[in-house]
Amino acid sequence: MLKKRSFSLARHRTSVALEAEFWSALEAIAAERGQSLAGLVASVDAAREPGQNLASLLRMLVLRVCRA
């Protein structure tokens, strides 16, 4: 089941829907980096190319961190 969270990114509100396990992993990654969850999501958003899906990029971040 997907859980939606809303963020202000680049001066606009957006919501992202991810599974609860991904939100938990992202919170842990943010804490390890000394960031808030919103800060982590904003940094991923700022680095994405036009047309890239934010939810997919967040899932890929979790995968990359787990593999490292």
Protein backbone atom coordinates (compact mmCIF):
# COMPACT_ATOMS: atom_id res chain seq x y z
CA MET A 1 0.00 0.00 0.00
CA LEU A 2 1.31 3.43 -0.92
CA LYS A 3 1.65 6.25 1.58
CA LYS A 4 1.62 9.83 0.28
CA ARG A 5 3.74 12.61 1.73
CA SER A 6 3.71 16.24 0.65
CA PHE A 7 6.75 18.47 0.24
CA SER A 8 7.55 21.98 -0.90
CA LEU A 9 10.08 21.58 -3.68
CA ALA A 10 11.46 24.46 -5.72
CA ARG A 11 8.65 26.72 -4.52
CA HIS A 12 5.83 24.32 -5.35
CA ARG A 13 3.94 21.71 -3.37
CA THR A 14 4.11 18.16 -4.57
CA SER A 15 3.18 14.82 -3.13
CA VAL A 16 5.08 11.58 -3.48
CA ALA A 17 3.55 8.14 -3.00
CA LEU A 18 5.84 5.33 -1.83
CA GLU A 19 5.50 2.14 0.16
CA ALA A 20 5.99 2.57 3.93
CA GLU A 21 9.22 0.56 3.81
CA PHE A 22 10.75 3.04 1.36
CA TRP A 23 9.77 5.98 3.58
CA SER A 24 11.43 4.25 6.54
CA ALA A 25 14.60 3.63 4.52
CA LEU A 26 14.66 7.23 3.28
CA GLU A 27 14.27 8.54 6.83
CA ALA A 28 17.24 6.39 7.89
CA ILE A 29 19.34 7.62 4.95
CA ALA A 30 18.47 11.23 5.74
CA ALA A 31 19.40 10.74 9.40
CA GLU A 32 22.74 9.17 8.42
CA ARG A 33 23.46 12.20 6.25
CA GLY A 34 22.36 14.68 8.90
CA GLN A 35 19.43 15.83 6.77
CA SER A 36 15.73 16.03 7.26
CA LEU A 37 13.56 13.82 5.07
CA ALA A 38 12.35 16.96 3.30
CA GLY A 39 15.95 18.02 2.69
CA LEU A 40 16.84 14.64 1.22
CA VAL A 41 13.81 14.66 -1.07
CA ALA A 42 14.61 18.24 -2.13
CA SER A 43 18.18 17.28 -3.01
CA VAL A 44 16.98 14.37 -5.15
CA ASP A 45 14.41 16.64 -6.80
CA ALA A 46 17.01 19.32 -7.55
CA ALA A 47 19.31 16.79 -9.26
CA ARG A 48 16.70 15.09 -11.44
CA GLU A 49 16.49 15.53 -15.17
CA PRO A 50 13.26 16.71 -16.82
CA GLY A 51 10.86 13.83 -17.20
CA GLN A 52 12.38 11.70 -14.45
CA ASN A 53 9.90 10.45 -11.89
CA LEU A 54 10.69 11.59 -8.34
CA ALA A 55 9.21 8.49 -6.68
CA SER A 56 11.32 6.24 -8.91
CA LEU A 57 14.47 8.21 -8.14
CA LEU A 58 13.80 7.92 -4.41
CA ARG A 59 13.37 4.15 -4.73
CA MET A 60 16.63 3.97 -6.71
CA LEU A 61 18.42 5.94 -3.98
CA VAL A 62 17.31 3.38 -1.40
CA LEU A 63 18.49 0.56 -3.67
CA ARG A 64 21.90 2.19 -4.23
CA VAL A 65 22.41 2.76 -0.51
CA CYS A 66 21.40 -0.81 0.32
CA ARG A 67 23.81 -2.18 -2.24
CA ALA A 68 26.72 -0.06 -0.99
